[in-house]
Protein backbone atom coordinates (compact mmCIF):
# COMPACT_ATOMS: atom_id res chain seq x y z
CA UNK A 1 0.04 0.27 0.04
CA UNK A 2 2.60 2.52 1.15
CA UNK A 3 6.14 2.64 0.04
CA UNK A 4 9.01 5.04 1.13
CA UNK A 5 12.11 4.69 -1.15
CA UNK A 6 15.23 6.51 -0.01
CA UNK A 7 13.60 9.62 1.92
CA UNK A 8 15.45 12.33 3.08
CA UNK A 9 13.73 15.13 5.17
CA UNK A 10 14.14 17.75 7.44
CA UNK A 11 13.60 21.18 8.39
CA UNK A 12 15.09 24.49 7.77
CA UNK A 13 18.27 23.17 6.10
CA UNK A 14 18.64 20.44 8.98
CA UNK A 15 18.49 16.90 8.12
CA UNK A 16 16.63 14.67 10.17
CA UNK A 17 15.66 11.57 7.81
CA UNK A 18 18.60 9.97 5.76
CA UNK A 19 17.79 7.32 2.88
CA UNK A 20 14.81 5.79 4.68
CA UNK A 21 13.05 3.21 3.05
CA UNK A 22 9.83 1.39 4.27
CA UNK A 23 7.20 -0.77 2.78
CA UNK A 24 3.72 -1.03 4.59
CA UNK A 25 1.46 -3.75 3.30
CA UNK A 26 -2.12 -3.60 3.09
CA UNK A 27 -4.13 -4.39 6.37
CA UNK A 28 -0.80 -4.18 7.91
CA UNK A 29 -0.46 -3.02 11.63
CA UNK A 30 2.95 -1.59 11.29
CA UNK A 31 4.75 -0.21 14.18
CA UNK A 32 7.31 2.46 14.21
CA UNK A 33 9.79 2.49 17.11
CA UNK A 34 12.78 4.41 18.44
CA UNK A 35 13.94 7.06 20.97
CA UNK A 36 12.93 10.81 21.30
CA UNK A 37 14.30 12.49 18.08
CA UNK A 38 14.68 9.54 16.20
CA UNK A 39 12.71 10.85 13.55
CA UNK A 40 9.34 8.92 13.94
CA UNK A 41 7.37 12.36 13.79
CA UNK A 42 9.21 13.75 10.97
CA UNK A 43 8.57 10.40 8.94
CA UNK A 44 4.82 10.55 9.73
CA UNK A 45 4.67 14.23 8.49
CA UNK A 46 6.15 13.31 5.26
CA UNK A 47 3.77 10.68 4.82
CA UNK A 48 0.94 12.95 5.59
CA UNK A 49 2.41 16.03 3.42
CA UNK A 50 3.13 18.28 5.91
CA UNK A 51 6.82 17.77 5.66
CA UNK A 52 8.36 17.85 1.75
CA UNK A 53 11.32 15.25 1.38
CA UNK A 54 14.27 16.56 -0.28
CA UNK A 55 14.93 13.58 -1.77
CA UNK A 56 13.51 10.05 -2.33
CA UNK A 57 10.01 8.77 -3.69
CA UNK A 58 6.70 7.96 -1.92
CA UNK A 59 4.01 5.58 -3.46
CA UNK A 60 0.66 5.19 -2.31
CA UNK A 61 -1.53 2.36 -3.65
CA UNK A 62 1.16 2.07 -6.30
CA UNK A 63 1.04 6.09 -7.55
CA UNK A 64 3.69 8.71 -7.01
CA UNK A 65 2.72 10.60 -3.95
CA UNK A 66 5.90 12.50 -3.23
CA UNK A 67 4.58 15.97 -3.94
CA UNK A 68 0.99 15.97 -2.62
CA UNK A 69 -0.18 18.35 0.19
CA UNK A 70 -1.94 17.35 3.24
CA UNK A 71 -5.19 18.10 1.88
CA UNK A 72 -4.87 15.91 -1.08
CA UNK A 73 -3.34 13.09 1.26
CA UNK A 74 -6.85 13.42 3.20
CA UNK A 75 -8.57 13.12 -0.02
CA UNK A 76 -6.71 9.67 -0.69
CA UNK A 77 -7.39 8.32 2.74
CA UNK A 78 -4.08 9.09 4.60
CA UNK A 79 -5.16 10.35 8.15
CA UNK A 80 -3.02 11.52 10.77
CA UNK A 81 -3.73 11.46 14.54
CA UNK A 82 -1.33 13.73 15.82
CA UNK A 83 0.74 13.64 18.93
CA UNK A 84 -0.72 15.64 21.75
CA UNK A 85 -4.16 15.29 20.13
CA UNK A 86 -4.60 18.83 18.85
CA UNK A 87 -8.40 19.36 19.47
CA UNK A 88 -10.19 22.32 19.76
CA UNK A 89 -10.79 22.57 23.23
CA UNK A 90 -13.96 25.20 23.05
CA UNK A 91 -15.85 23.22 20.63
CA UNK A 92 -17.81 20.21 21.80
CA UNK A 93 -17.23 16.49 21.21
CA UNK A 94 -19.17 16.46 18.34
CA UNK A 95 -17.88 19.53 16.80
CA UNK A 96 -14.55 18.20 16.97
CA UNK A 97 -15.86 14.97 15.57
CA UNK A 98 -17.48 16.41 12.55
CA UNK A 99 -14.75 18.30 11.30
CA UNK A 100 -12.70 15.09 10.49
CA UNK A 101 -15.71 14.37 8.22
CA UNK A 102 -15.51 17.56 5.90
CA UNK A 103 -13.58 15.99 3.02
CA UNK A 104 -15.31 14.95 -0.11
CA UNK A 105 -14.28 11.31 0.47
CA UNK A 106 -15.66 11.30 3.86
CA UNK A 107 -19.01 13.35 3.56
CA UNK A 108 -21.36 10.86 2.16
CA UNK A 109 -20.61 8.15 4.97
CA UNK A 110 -20.10 10.76 7.76
CA UNK A 111 -23.70 9.86 9.51
CA UNK A 112 -22.67 6.12 9.58
CA UNK A 113 -18.94 6.79 10.63
CA UNK A 114 -20.11 8.77 13.48
CA UNK A 115 -22.24 6.02 14.86
CA UNK A 116 -19.25 3.55 14.35
CA UNK A 117 -17.28 6.12 16.19
CA UNK A 118 -19.91 6.11 19.11
CA UNK A 119 -19.91 2.42 18.88
CA UNK A 120 -16.37 1.95 19.40
CA UNK A 121 -16.09 4.68 22.09
CA UNK A 122 -19.09 4.79 23.80
CA UNK A 123 -18.04 7.29 26.25
CA UNK A 124 -17.81 9.84 23.54
CA UNK A 125 -21.64 9.51 22.91
CA UNK A 126 -22.27 10.20 26.67
CA UNK A 127 -19.95 13.46 26.12
CA UNK A 128 -21.13 14.49 22.76
CA UNK A 129 -22.22 17.81 23.94
CA UNK A 130 -19.19 18.33 26.27
CA UNK A 131 -16.40 20.79 25.34
CA UNK A 132 -13.34 18.70 24.44
CA UNK A 133 -11.31 20.75 26.72
CA UNK A 134 -12.81 19.80 29.76
CA UNK A 135 -12.44 15.99 29.01
CA UNK A 136 -9.79 13.76 30.59
CA UNK A 137 -6.52 12.79 28.77
CA UNK A 138 -8.01 9.50 27.63
CA UNK A 139 -11.43 10.48 26.51
CA UNK A 140 -9.54 13.43 24.56
CA UNK A 141 -7.57 10.70 22.65
CA UNK A 142 -10.78 8.80 21.83
CA UNK A 143 -11.77 12.09 20.22
CA UNK A 144 -8.60 12.59 18.15
CA UNK A 145 -9.16 8.66 17.04
CA UNK A 146 -12.60 9.46 16.18
CA UNK A 147 -11.95 12.39 14.63
CA UNK A 148 -9.40 10.40 12.23
CA UNK A 149 -11.81 8.00 11.77
CA UNK A 150 -14.43 10.23 10.71
CA UNK A 151 -12.25 11.01 7.51
CA UNK A 152 -12.77 7.54 6.29
CA UNK A 153 -9.13 6.29 6.50
CA UNK A 154 -7.44 3.86 4.12
CA UNK A 155 -4.34 4.20 6.23
CA UNK A 156 -4.53 5.51 9.73
CA UNK A 157 -1.62 6.93 11.08
CA UNK A 158 -1.11 7.31 15.11
CA UNK A 159 1.72 9.28 16.54
CA UNK A 160 2.22 8.51 20.44
CA UNK A 161 -1.61 7.82 21.32
CA UNK A 162 -0.66 6.61 24.68
CA UNK A 163 1.27 9.36 25.68
CA UNK A 164 0.51 10.94 29.01
CA UNK A 165 -2.54 8.63 29.46
CA UNK A 166 -3.71 6.35 32.61
CA UNK A 167 -2.94 2.46 32.17
CA UNK A 168 -6.83 1.85 31.85
CA UNK A 169 -7.08 4.51 28.95
CA UNK A 170 -3.93 3.04 27.33
CA UNK A 171 -6.02 -0.60 27.28
CA UNK A 172 -8.72 0.87 25.93
CA UNK A 173 -6.97 2.94 23.03
CA UNK A 174 -5.06 -0.19 22.09
CA UNK A 175 -8.19 -2.68 22.19
CA UNK A 176 -9.87 -0.16 19.88
CA UNK A 177 -6.71 -0.05 17.51
CA UNK A 178 -6.83 -4.01 17.46
CA UNK A 179 -10.16 -3.91 16.47
CA UNK A 180 -9.81 -1.60 13.85
CA UNK A 181 -6.99 -3.48 12.39
CA UNK A 182 -9.00 -6.92 12.56
CA UNK A 183 -11.79 -5.03 10.64
CA UNK A 184 -9.31 -4.22 7.62
CA UNK A 185 -7.89 -0.95 8.46
CA UNK A 186 -4.29 -0.54 7.56
CA UNK A 187 -2.39 1.09 10.91
CA UNK A 188 0.78 2.86 10.99
CA UNK A 189 1.67 3.21 14.67
CA UNK A 190 4.40 5.43 16.33
CA UNK A 191 4.36 4.77 20.10
CA UNK A 192 6.63 4.86 23.26
CA UNK A 193 5.18 1.61 24.84
CA UNK A 194 7.65 -0.86 23.36
CA UNK A 195 5.79 -3.68 24.95
CA UNK A 196 2.25 -2.96 23.99
CA UNK A 197 3.25 -2.10 20.15
CA UNK A 198 5.17 -5.39 19.86
CA UNK A 199 2.14 -7.28 21.25
CA UNK A 200 -0.02 -5.98 18.76
CA UNK A 201 1.51 -5.29 15.40
CA UNK A 202 2.02 -7.42 12.66
CA UNK A 203 5.44 -5.82 11.37
CA UNK A 204 7.88 -3.23 12.94
CA UNK A 205 10.91 -0.95 12.24
CA UNK A 206 13.38 0.79 14.43
CA UNK A 207 14.33 4.40 13.70
CA UNK A 208 17.78 5.68 14.91
CA UNK A 209 19.01 9.06 14.27
CA UNK A 210 17.01 9.49 11.18
CA UNK A 211 17.77 5.65 9.80
CA UNK A 212 16.15 2.89 9.78
CA UNK A 213 18.29 0.23 11.51
CA UNK A 214 16.15 -2.76 12.16
CA UNK A 215 12.70 -4.07 10.43
CA UNK A 216 11.00 -7.22 10.74
CA UNK A 217 8.37 -9.37 12.77
CA UNK A 218 7.64 -8.13 16.00
CA UNK A 219 8.64 -11.15 18.01
CA UNK A 220 12.17 -10.91 15.88
CA UNK A 221 12.72 -7.36 17.04
CA UNK A 222 11.61 -8.01 20.57
CA UNK A 223 14.34 -10.80 21.14
CA UNK A 224 16.87 -8.43 19.56
CA UNK A 225 19.49 -6.53 22.10
CA UNK A 226 19.56 -3.65 19.13
CA UNK A 227 15.87 -2.90 19.46
CA UNK A 228 16.23 -1.86 22.94
CA UNK A 229 19.60 -0.30 22.53
CA UNK A 230 18.11 2.44 19.67
CA UNK A 231 14.81 2.57 21.73
CA UNK A 232 16.56 4.03 24.85
CA UNK A 233 18.91 6.19 22.65
CA UNK A 234 21.82 4.26 23.71
């Protein structure tokens, strides 16, 4: 589904990613691991069109994808749930969710998708009229994921969805992600929780200083001491 070939990217002339090549198969649950500042968020931003690569190529469903902007990425079904959630705190839960369904791709199925989001996250149905800024961290993450689902993703990318959440909220979030994957959704997960990521993904890659240093099945990477060294930034 997604191919990255020799990607280089950075900010203001400072390189972050160096010769990154990855392939994410259809219906995969792909985990992207690494220490802070390894380049994981930059890689997700490159895929979503928020950061333009300085070299290399991206293909999505076999078509060239390297020069698209975020709007076109959304229309093609590449949806990013950002680190930190980035909700509109003074808008209600329902208003935040509906913002995810504004693309021409998502609009025809918006009502059905909203009902699906409420089924996945019953708490959001209860809180639909509450301002997003008054929710707990776990509830806000549910809204962020729900907003992403409202866009009718083909590829759903999540950046650190467990960050700052209680253990109970993390379990709820990951349970929903596993259910989404089982339903056929392709997921790319950037996550700080190594154990959980290895337990639920179908394939993983490890980034270190902007380069892919390991890639393989979760058990293989979990047994490799290089994964733990790279993850801890050692």
